[in-house]
Amino acid sequence: MRHITQLPNKVRIVTQEFKDRDSASIGVWVAAGGRYESNENKGVAHFLEHMAFKGSAKYSCEEIKQLIEGVGGNLNAFTSEEETCFHAKVPASHLKKSFDVLADISFFPKITRQDLEKERAVILEEIKMYHDLPQYYVGELLEGLLWPNHPLGQSLTGTSSSVGGMTVLQLRDFKKSHYVPANTVISACGPMRHEELVALVKAKLGNLTGPVGPSYIPARRTQDKPAAKLYYKQTEQMHLAMGFLAYETNHKDYYVLALLSIILGGNMSSRLFNEVREKRGLAYSISSGIKSLHDTGVLMISAGVDNTKIVGALDLILKVFANLVSGGVKEDEFKRAQEYYLGQFLLGLEDTMSQMLWMGGGVVSNDQVKTMGDVIKKIKAVTRADIKRVALEILDPQSLNVAIIGPMNEDQQKELRAIVNVR
């Protein structure tokens, strides 16, 4: 059974009890991500996530790892556009100690100058690594087109300049203003009692104080002309990322968009996979997906394409879009998409870690967790007419953004820009 409790200081605890599991997963979530940063401190949320593992008020760097990995557990963290999460999966008998470690490194990190300099070097290498991975970097280029001159259009890891100039004071200021009770969620899944975890959280974090975290700069919701970024790099394959501004998390058509994405490129039965790879052999990999935030979202298509076939591949992808907009979807592919979504959703929540991430992410970003029944009902309520309506709205050629990395010659660049209709 799922339970949610809010402490007097507004820290929230959400749990899902699974009595028959041997593992327990727990996460400490904070509504502090890349979109809350400025040009001057870009990458500070990610930097702070790194610094937490260097040592806290109670635990040394070595103890943090040993106390969880030493009992067979897994320890990690991630930073996204809107939140940071420190999480662990451990044998259920070690849940109490794991929570204490995660909470201590999250809210009581030491943040020393010596550790900052060590971690700065690590993050600068991480930035170089991502720039050397075209399949990753092309996504960053796409985000820059979707949200120009906005924190969402900049790298979560920051830039060499911002990370190179990061100070202890910037890290501490960001933590002080964002790592506050109202921004905090503790989520856990496994064979535990909700009341026991609430007691642990209250003892550890119940005396935390602080204001509601700062607001963010709203993202644009519309686009009036297409955009392209063609980045020359000597690679063995062209890397393509295409995106359309789409719906925020709570939009009424969120699940319509999810099904549209599956129909386009969500699996091997999708239109793009069949048309681009299976029938014509223009790409090895091609897929679509969606990302939704508080006030914006994106429908994205990614592909790895033969260097000599990029023009034909892009042209064909746009024709697939146009055919879906004009002709709608067939009953059989629509039903397959519904069943695929529901099947993947149910399979994805079998594990304690995936359940913890689902619950924690829902509460920290949306102050609620949808039940399986809610999701099933919404997916089954979608119609073929909804798919066509949303496709017409989202797949607008004037709202197209295209980023490509590869060894494009002048003729290819000219043809690609003409297809996208940009100079």
Protein backbone atom coordinates (compact mmCIF):
# COMPACT_ATOMS: atom_id res chain seq x y z
CA MET A 1 0.00 0.00 0.00
CA ARG A 2 1.21 3.53 -0.80
CA HIS A 3 1.36 6.21 1.90
CA ILE A 4 2.31 9.90 1.86
CA THR A 5 3.07 11.98 4.96
CA GLN A 6 4.12 15.62 5.25
CA LEU A 7 6.10 16.72 8.28
CA PRO A 8 5.34 20.08 9.95
CA ASN A 9 8.37 21.61 8.18
CA LYS A 10 6.95 20.37 4.81
CA VAL A 11 9.37 17.49 4.13
CA ARG A 12 7.31 14.82 2.38
CA ILE A 13 7.68 11.04 2.74
CA VAL A 14 6.16 8.61 0.25
CA THR A 15 6.41 4.82 0.55
CA GLN A 16 5.18 1.70 -1.18
CA GLU A 17 5.28 -1.45 0.95
CA PHE A 18 6.21 -4.70 -0.83
CA LYS A 19 6.33 -7.38 1.85
CA ASP A 20 7.59 -10.11 -0.47
CA ARG A 21 10.76 -8.30 -1.69
CA ASP A 22 14.29 -8.83 -0.39
CA SER A 23 15.48 -5.41 -1.48
CA ALA A 24 14.55 -1.90 -0.44
CA SER A 25 15.18 1.24 -2.49
CA ILE A 26 15.29 4.73 -1.08
CA GLY A 27 15.80 8.17 -2.55
CA VAL A 28 16.36 11.66 -1.21
CA TRP A 29 14.88 14.11 -3.73
CA VAL A 30 15.37 17.86 -3.89
CA ALA A 31 13.67 20.22 -6.33
CA ALA A 32 17.00 21.65 -7.45
CA GLY A 33 18.10 21.20 -11.04
CA GLY A 34 19.61 22.87 -14.05
CA ARG A 35 16.75 25.23 -14.81
CA TYR A 36 17.23 27.00 -11.47
CA GLU A 37 20.73 28.14 -12.43
CA SER A 38 22.12 31.29 -14.07
CA ASN A 39 24.88 31.76 -16.62
CA GLU A 40 27.28 32.52 -13.78
CA ASN A 41 26.66 29.33 -11.80
CA LYS A 42 25.64 27.00 -14.64
CA GLY A 43 26.29 23.43 -13.55
CA VAL A 44 26.13 24.20 -9.82
CA ALA A 45 23.33 21.67 -9.11
CA HIS A 46 25.33 18.89 -10.77
CA PHE A 47 28.55 20.06 -9.06
CA LEU A 48 26.81 19.97 -5.67
CA GLU A 49 25.62 16.43 -6.37
CA HIS A 50 29.26 15.41 -6.94
CA MET A 51 30.46 17.20 -3.81
CA ALA A 52 27.98 15.35 -1.60
CA PHE A 53 29.95 12.13 -2.08
CA LYS A 54 33.22 13.73 -0.95
CA GLY A 55 32.19 13.64 2.69
CA SER A 56 29.53 14.91 5.09
CA ALA A 57 29.24 15.98 8.70
CA LYS A 58 28.88 12.35 9.82
CA TYR A 59 30.51 10.24 7.10
CA SER A 60 33.83 10.31 5.28
CA CYS A 61 34.10 9.76 1.53
CA GLU A 62 35.19 6.15 2.12
CA GLU A 63 32.42 5.44 4.64
CA ILE A 64 29.71 6.73 2.30
CA LYS A 65 30.58 4.09 -0.28
CA GLN A 66 31.50 1.27 2.08
CA LEU A 67 28.39 1.45 4.24
CA ILE A 68 26.16 0.78 1.22
CA GLU A 69 28.36 -1.13 -1.21
CA GLY A 70 29.80 -3.13 1.70
CA VAL A 71 26.41 -4.77 2.26
CA GLY A 72 25.83 -5.50 -1.43
CA GLY A 73 23.92 -2.31 -2.18
CA ASN A 74 24.08 0.16 -5.04
CA LEU A 75 24.61 3.88 -4.45
CA ASN A 76 24.21 6.67 -7.00
CA ALA A 77 22.72 10.07 -7.76
CA PHE A 78 21.54 12.13 -10.72
CA THR A 79 20.74 15.72 -11.57
CA SER A 80 18.03 16.67 -14.05
CA GLU A 81 16.49 19.93 -15.23
CA GLU A 82 14.16 20.16 -12.21
CA GLU A 83 15.47 17.89 -9.46
CA THR A 84 18.42 16.10 -7.88
CA CYS A 85 18.11 12.61 -6.41
CA PHE A 86 20.48 10.62 -4.18
CA HIS A 87 19.44 6.98 -4.13
CA ALA A 88 20.37 3.50 -3.01
CA LYS A 89 19.11 -0.05 -3.38
CA VAL A 90 20.11 -2.37 -0.54
CA PRO A 91 19.08 -5.56 1.23
CA ALA A 92 16.01 -4.49 3.17
CA SER A 93 17.65 -4.96 6.58
CA HIS A 94 20.06 -2.11 5.78
CA LEU A 95 17.44 0.49 4.83
CA LYS A 96 17.81 2.52 8.05
CA LYS A 97 21.55 3.04 7.69
CA SER A 98 21.21 3.74 3.97
CA PHE A 99 18.71 6.51 4.62
CA ASP A 100 20.99 8.07 7.20
CA VAL A 101 23.90 8.09 4.74
CA LEU A 102 21.83 9.58 1.90
CA ALA A 103 20.24 12.24 4.10
CA ASP A 104 23.58 13.22 5.62
CA ILE A 105 25.40 13.67 2.31
CA SER A 106 22.41 15.53 0.83
CA PHE A 107 21.86 18.07 3.59
CA PHE A 108 25.13 18.15 5.52
CA PRO A 109 27.98 17.92 2.96
CA LYS A 110 31.30 19.45 4.00
CA ILE A 111 32.04 21.31 0.72
CA THR A 112 35.70 22.09 1.32
CA ARG A 113 37.97 24.03 -1.04
CA GLN A 114 40.32 21.06 -1.35
CA ASP A 115 37.51 18.70 -2.41
CA LEU A 116 36.11 21.33 -4.76
CA GLU A 117 39.39 21.53 -6.67
CA LYS A 118 39.56 17.74 -7.01
CA GLU A 119 35.98 17.46 -8.21
CA ARG A 120 36.33 20.44 -10.55
CA ALA A 121 38.96 18.49 -12.49
CA VAL A 122 36.66 15.45 -12.63
CA ILE A 123 33.69 17.45 -13.94
CA LEU A 124 35.80 19.26 -16.54
CA GLU A 125 36.81 15.83 -17.85
CA GLU A 126 33.15 14.79 -17.79
CA ILE A 127 32.26 17.80 -19.95
CA LYS A 128 35.00 16.82 -22.44
CA MET A 129 33.72 13.24 -22.48
CA TYR A 130 30.16 14.28 -23.36
CA HIS A 131 31.43 16.56 -26.12
CA ASP A 132 33.37 13.60 -27.51
CA LEU A 133 30.19 11.48 -27.63
CA PRO A 134 28.22 12.75 -30.64
CA GLN A 135 25.13 10.68 -29.79
CA TYR A 136 24.98 12.63 -26.49
CA TYR A 137 26.21 16.02 -27.63
CA VAL A 138 23.68 16.21 -30.45
CA GLY A 139 20.96 16.20 -27.79
CA GLU A 140 22.56 19.22 -26.13
CA LEU A 141 22.62 21.03 -29.46
CA LEU A 142 18.93 20.24 -29.93
CA GLU A 143 18.05 21.62 -26.51
CA GLY A 144 19.84 24.83 -27.42
CA LEU A 145 17.53 25.16 -30.42
CA LEU A 146 14.40 24.33 -28.43
CA TRP A 147 15.12 26.75 -25.59
CA PRO A 148 17.59 29.39 -26.83
CA ASN A 149 19.07 31.77 -24.25
CA HIS A 150 17.40 29.83 -21.44
CA PRO A 151 18.78 27.52 -18.70
CA LEU A 152 16.95 24.55 -20.26
CA GLY A 153 18.94 25.08 -23.45
CA GLN A 154 22.28 24.78 -21.65
CA SER A 155 24.22 21.74 -20.47
CA LEU A 156 23.38 20.32 -17.04
CA THR A 157 27.09 19.81 -16.39
CA GLY A 158 27.81 23.47 -17.09
CA THR A 159 30.53 24.90 -19.28
CA SER A 160 34.30 24.83 -18.92
CA SER A 161 34.06 28.50 -17.94
CA SER A 162 31.30 28.19 -15.34
CA VAL A 163 32.70 25.01 -13.79
CA GLY A 164 36.23 26.39 -13.96
CA GLY A 165 35.14 29.41 -11.93
CA MET A 166 32.84 27.64 -9.45
CA THR A 167 33.46 28.61 -5.83
CA VAL A 168 32.69 27.12 -2.43
CA LEU A 169 30.42 30.09 -1.77
CA GLN A 170 28.36 29.44 -4.92
CA LEU A 171 27.85 25.80 -3.92
CA ARG A 172 26.87 26.70 -0.37
CA ASP A 173 24.53 29.48 -1.51
CA PHE A 174 22.77 27.15 -3.95
CA LYS A 175 22.40 24.49 -1.29
CA LYS A 176 21.09 27.01 1.25
CA SER A 177 18.42 28.38 -1.08
CA HIS A 178 17.30 25.12 -2.72
CA TYR A 179 17.95 22.27 -0.25
CA VAL A 180 15.05 23.34 1.95
CA PRO A 181 12.24 21.28 3.53
CA ALA A 182 9.51 22.39 1.11
CA ASN A 183 11.67 21.16 -1.79
CA THR A 184 12.43 17.78 -0.19
CA VAL A 185 10.88 14.35 -0.73
CA ILE A 186 11.98 11.01 0.73
CA SER A 187 10.68 8.04 -1.25
CA ALA A 188 11.13 4.36 -0.43
CA CYS A 189 9.88 1.01 -1.65
CA GLY A 190 10.26 -2.46 -0.17
CA PRO A 191 9.39 -4.45 2.94
CA MET A 192 9.25 -1.56 5.39
CA ARG A 193 6.62 0.15 7.51
CA HIS A 194 5.70 3.69 6.55
CA GLU A 195 5.51 4.88 10.15
CA GLU A 196 9.06 3.68 10.84
CA LEU A 197 10.49 5.63 7.90
CA VAL A 198 8.52 8.73 8.90
CA ALA A 199 10.08 8.49 12.37
CA LEU A 200 13.57 8.21 10.85
CA VAL A 201 13.02 11.20 8.58
CA LYS A 202 11.55 13.28 11.39
CA ALA A 203 14.54 12.55 13.61
CA LYS A 204 17.05 13.35 10.87
CA LEU A 205 15.41 16.19 8.95
CA GLY A 206 12.48 17.34 11.06
CA ASN A 207 14.36 20.37 12.41
CA LEU A 208 15.44 21.67 8.99
CA THR A 209 14.19 25.13 8.21
CA GLY A 210 14.18 27.34 5.15
CA PRO A 211 11.93 29.22 2.76
CA VAL A 212 10.22 27.85 -0.32
CA GLY A 213 12.85 27.45 -3.02
CA PRO A 214 13.33 30.10 -5.73
CA SER A 215 11.15 30.09 -8.83
CA TYR A 216 12.44 29.47 -12.35
CA ILE A 217 12.38 31.40 -15.61
CA PRO A 218 9.38 30.21 -17.66
CA ALA A 219 10.23 28.41 -20.89
CA ARG A 220 8.82 29.37 -24.26
CA ARG A 221 5.79 27.39 -25.38
CA THR A 222 5.60 28.25 -29.07
CA GLN A 223 7.92 28.58 -32.05
CA ASP A 224 7.23 30.48 -35.28
CA LYS A 225 10.01 29.24 -37.56
CA PRO A 226 12.19 26.13 -37.92
CA ALA A 227 15.79 26.00 -36.70
CA ALA A 228 18.83 23.87 -37.44
CA LYS A 229 22.32 23.34 -36.06
CA LEU A 230 24.77 21.50 -38.30
CA TYR A 231 27.94 20.67 -36.39
CA TYR A 232 30.88 19.38 -38.39
CA LYS A 233 32.80 16.55 -36.76
CA GLN A 234 34.75 13.71 -38.33
CA THR A 235 32.67 10.72 -37.28
CA GLU A 236 31.87 7.33 -38.78
CA GLN A 237 28.14 8.06 -38.62
CA MET A 238 25.84 11.07 -38.79
CA HIS A 239 24.03 11.71 -35.52
CA LEU A 240 20.62 13.29 -35.89
CA ALA A 241 18.29 14.73 -33.23
CA MET A 242 14.97 16.35 -34.11
CA GLY A 243 12.56 17.98 -31.71
CA PHE A 244 9.24 19.78 -31.41
CA LEU A 245 8.13 21.82 -28.41
CA ALA A 246 5.42 19.78 -26.71
CA TYR A 247 3.40 19.39 -23.51
CA GLU A 248 4.13 19.96 -19.85
CA THR A 249 3.68 17.18 -17.28
CA ASN A 250 0.08 17.98 -16.38
CA HIS A 251 -1.19 18.73 -19.87
CA LYS A 252 -4.51 17.08 -20.72
CA ASP A 253 -2.97 15.52 -23.85
CA TYR A 254 0.17 14.16 -22.21
CA TYR A 255 -0.86 10.54 -22.76
CA VAL A 256 -1.97 11.25 -26.32
CA LEU A 257 1.54 12.54 -27.00
CA ALA A 258 3.03 9.46 -25.34
CA LEU A 259 1.11 7.18 -27.70
CA LEU A 260 1.99 9.35 -30.70
CA SER A 261 5.67 8.95 -29.81
CA ILE A 262 5.32 5.15 -29.68
CA ILE A 263 3.58 5.09 -33.05
CA LEU A 264 6.32 7.24 -34.56
CA GLY A 265 9.42 5.56 -33.16
CA GLY A 266 8.83 3.92 -29.80
CA ASN A 267 9.70 0.36 -30.81
CA MET A 268 10.51 -1.94 -33.73
CA SER A 269 6.88 -1.88 -34.87
CA SER A 270 6.90 1.90 -35.24
CA ARG A 271 6.59 3.83 -38.47
CA LEU A 272 10.03 5.39 -38.40
CA PHE A 273 11.77 2.09 -37.61
CA ASN A 274 9.93 0.32 -40.43
CA GLU A 275 10.27 3.07 -43.04
CA VAL A 276 13.76 4.35 -42.31
CA ARG A 277 15.58 1.21 -41.21
CA GLU A 278 13.69 -1.89 -42.27
CA LYS A 279 12.47 -0.87 -45.73
CA ARG A 280 15.28 1.44 -46.87
CA GLY A 281 18.27 0.74 -44.63
CA LEU A 282 18.99 4.44 -44.10
CA ALA A 283 19.80 4.18 -40.39
CA TYR A 284 20.98 1.62 -37.88
CA SER A 285 19.12 3.16 -34.96
CA ILE A 286 16.10 5.43 -34.90
CA SER A 287 13.72 6.14 -32.04
CA SER A 288 11.43 8.73 -30.53
CA GLY A 289 10.64 9.81 -26.99
CA ILE A 290 9.10 12.57 -24.93
CA LYS A 291 10.26 14.65 -22.00
CA SER A 292 7.88 16.75 -19.93
CA LEU A 293 8.68 19.46 -17.39
CA HIS A 294 6.61 21.86 -15.28
CA ASP A 295 5.80 24.23 -18.11
CA THR A 296 7.16 22.72 -21.31
CA GLY A 297 8.10 19.50 -23.04
CA VAL A 298 9.62 18.02 -26.17
CA LEU A 299 8.90 15.26 -28.66
CA MET A 300 12.31 14.10 -29.84
CA ILE A 301 13.50 11.78 -32.61
CA SER A 302 17.07 10.42 -32.58
CA ALA A 303 18.88 8.50 -35.30
CA GLY A 304 22.30 7.23 -36.27
CA VAL A 305 22.59 7.50 -40.06
CA ASP A 306 25.10 6.47 -42.72
CA ASN A 307 27.23 9.48 -43.65
CA THR A 308 26.14 9.31 -47.29
CA LYS A 309 22.42 8.91 -46.53
CA ILE A 310 21.66 11.77 -44.13
CA VAL A 311 19.79 13.88 -46.68
CA GLY A 312 17.53 11.01 -47.73
CA ALA A 313 16.95 9.96 -44.13
CA LEU A 314 15.88 13.43 -43.01
CA ASP A 315 13.61 13.86 -46.01
CA LEU A 316 11.96 10.49 -45.35
CA ILE A 317 11.44 11.22 -41.65
CA LEU A 318 9.60 14.43 -42.52
CA LYS A 319 7.43 12.51 -45.01
CA VAL A 320 6.52 10.03 -42.27
CA PHE A 321 5.43 12.97 -40.12
CA ALA A 322 3.36 14.42 -42.95
CA ASN A 323 1.68 11.08 -43.71
CA LEU A 324 0.68 10.61 -40.10
CA VAL A 325 -0.72 14.14 -39.87
CA SER A 326 -2.74 13.77 -43.08
CA GLY A 327 -3.79 10.14 -42.79
CA GLY A 328 -4.01 9.51 -39.07
CA VAL A 329 -3.32 6.10 -37.57
CA LYS A 330 -4.74 2.68 -38.30
CA GLU A 331 -6.76 0.82 -35.70
CA ASP A 332 -4.26 -2.03 -35.34
CA GLU A 333 -1.19 0.19 -34.83
CA PHE A 334 -3.17 2.35 -32.39
CA LYS A 335 -4.13 -0.69 -30.29
CA ARG A 336 -0.56 -1.97 -30.39
CA ALA A 337 0.70 1.39 -29.11
CA GLN A 338 -1.80 1.36 -26.23
CA GLU A 339 -0.87 -2.18 -25.21
CA TYR A 340 2.85 -1.44 -25.57
CA TYR A 341 2.61 1.60 -23.29
CA LEU A 342 0.62 -0.26 -20.64
CA GLY A 343 2.85 -3.32 -20.82
CA GLN A 344 6.06 -1.31 -20.51
CA PHE A 345 4.55 0.73 -17.69
CA LEU A 346 3.56 -2.34 -15.68
CA LEU A 347 6.84 -4.18 -16.33
CA GLY A 348 8.80 -1.08 -15.42
CA LEU A 349 7.31 -0.92 -11.94
CA GLU A 350 8.13 -4.49 -10.89
CA ASP A 351 11.41 -3.48 -9.26
CA THR A 352 11.72 -1.60 -5.95
CA MET A 353 14.08 0.97 -7.51
CA SER A 354 11.76 1.77 -10.41
CA GLN A 355 8.83 2.11 -7.98
CA MET A 356 10.86 4.44 -5.77
CA LEU A 357 11.84 6.62 -8.74
CA TRP A 358 8.23 6.73 -10.01
CA MET A 359 6.88 7.82 -6.63
CA GLY A 360 9.64 10.24 -5.69
CA GLY A 361 9.70 11.89 -9.10
CA GLY A 362 5.94 12.33 -9.04
CA VAL A 363 5.82 13.92 -5.60
CA VAL A 364 8.85 16.21 -5.94
CA SER A 365 7.79 17.56 -9.33
CA ASN A 366 4.01 17.34 -9.13
CA ASP A 367 3.10 16.75 -5.48
CA GLN A 368 1.24 13.59 -6.40
CA VAL A 369 1.76 10.03 -7.62
CA LYS A 370 -0.54 8.60 -10.24
CA THR A 371 -1.84 5.12 -9.52
CA MET A 372 -1.70 2.32 -12.06
CA GLY A 373 -5.45 2.64 -12.36
CA ASP A 374 -5.14 6.35 -13.21
CA VAL A 375 -2.64 5.67 -15.98
CA ILE A 376 -4.58 2.74 -17.45
CA LYS A 377 -7.78 4.80 -17.50
CA LYS A 378 -6.10 7.74 -19.25
CA ILE A 379 -4.38 5.58 -21.86
CA LYS A 380 -7.58 3.71 -22.66
CA ALA A 381 -9.46 7.01 -22.99
CA VAL A 382 -7.23 8.15 -25.88
CA THR A 383 -8.77 7.84 -29.35
CA ARG A 384 -7.38 7.71 -32.86
CA ALA A 385 -8.89 11.14 -33.45
CA ASP A 386 -6.87 12.43 -30.47
CA ILE A 387 -3.66 11.12 -32.05
CA LYS A 388 -4.36 12.88 -35.34
CA ARG A 389 -5.33 16.10 -33.57
CA VAL A 390 -2.16 16.18 -31.48
CA ALA A 391 0.01 15.19 -34.44
CA LEU A 392 -1.40 18.14 -36.39
CA GLU A 393 -0.61 20.47 -33.49
CA ILE A 394 2.86 19.20 -32.57
CA LEU A 395 4.36 18.08 -35.89
CA ASP A 396 4.23 21.55 -37.40
CA PRO A 397 7.06 22.12 -39.93
CA GLN A 398 7.38 25.68 -38.65
CA SER A 399 8.17 24.31 -35.18
CA LEU A 400 10.82 21.83 -36.30
CA ASN A 401 14.29 21.82 -34.73
CA VAL A 402 17.09 19.72 -36.23
CA ALA A 403 20.60 19.13 -34.88
CA ILE A 404 23.12 17.00 -36.79
CA ILE A 405 26.71 16.05 -35.96
CA GLY A 406 28.92 14.52 -38.62
CA PRO A 407 31.29 15.12 -41.55
CA MET A 408 28.78 17.02 -43.73
CA ASN A 409 30.09 18.47 -46.97
CA GLU A 410 28.83 21.78 -48.38
CA ASP A 411 26.31 20.15 -50.71
CA GLN A 412 24.84 18.07 -47.89
CA GLN A 413 24.56 21.09 -45.63
CA LYS A 414 22.80 23.06 -48.35
CA GLU A 415 20.32 20.23 -49.00
CA LEU A 416 19.68 19.69 -45.29
CA ARG A 417 18.95 23.37 -44.70
CA ALA A 418 16.61 23.40 -47.68
CA ILE A 419 14.68 20.40 -46.33
CA VAL A 420 14.28 22.03 -42.92
CA ASN A 421 13.53 25.37 -44.60
CA VAL A 422 16.22 27.39 -42.86
CA ARG A 423 19.02 29.49 -44.33
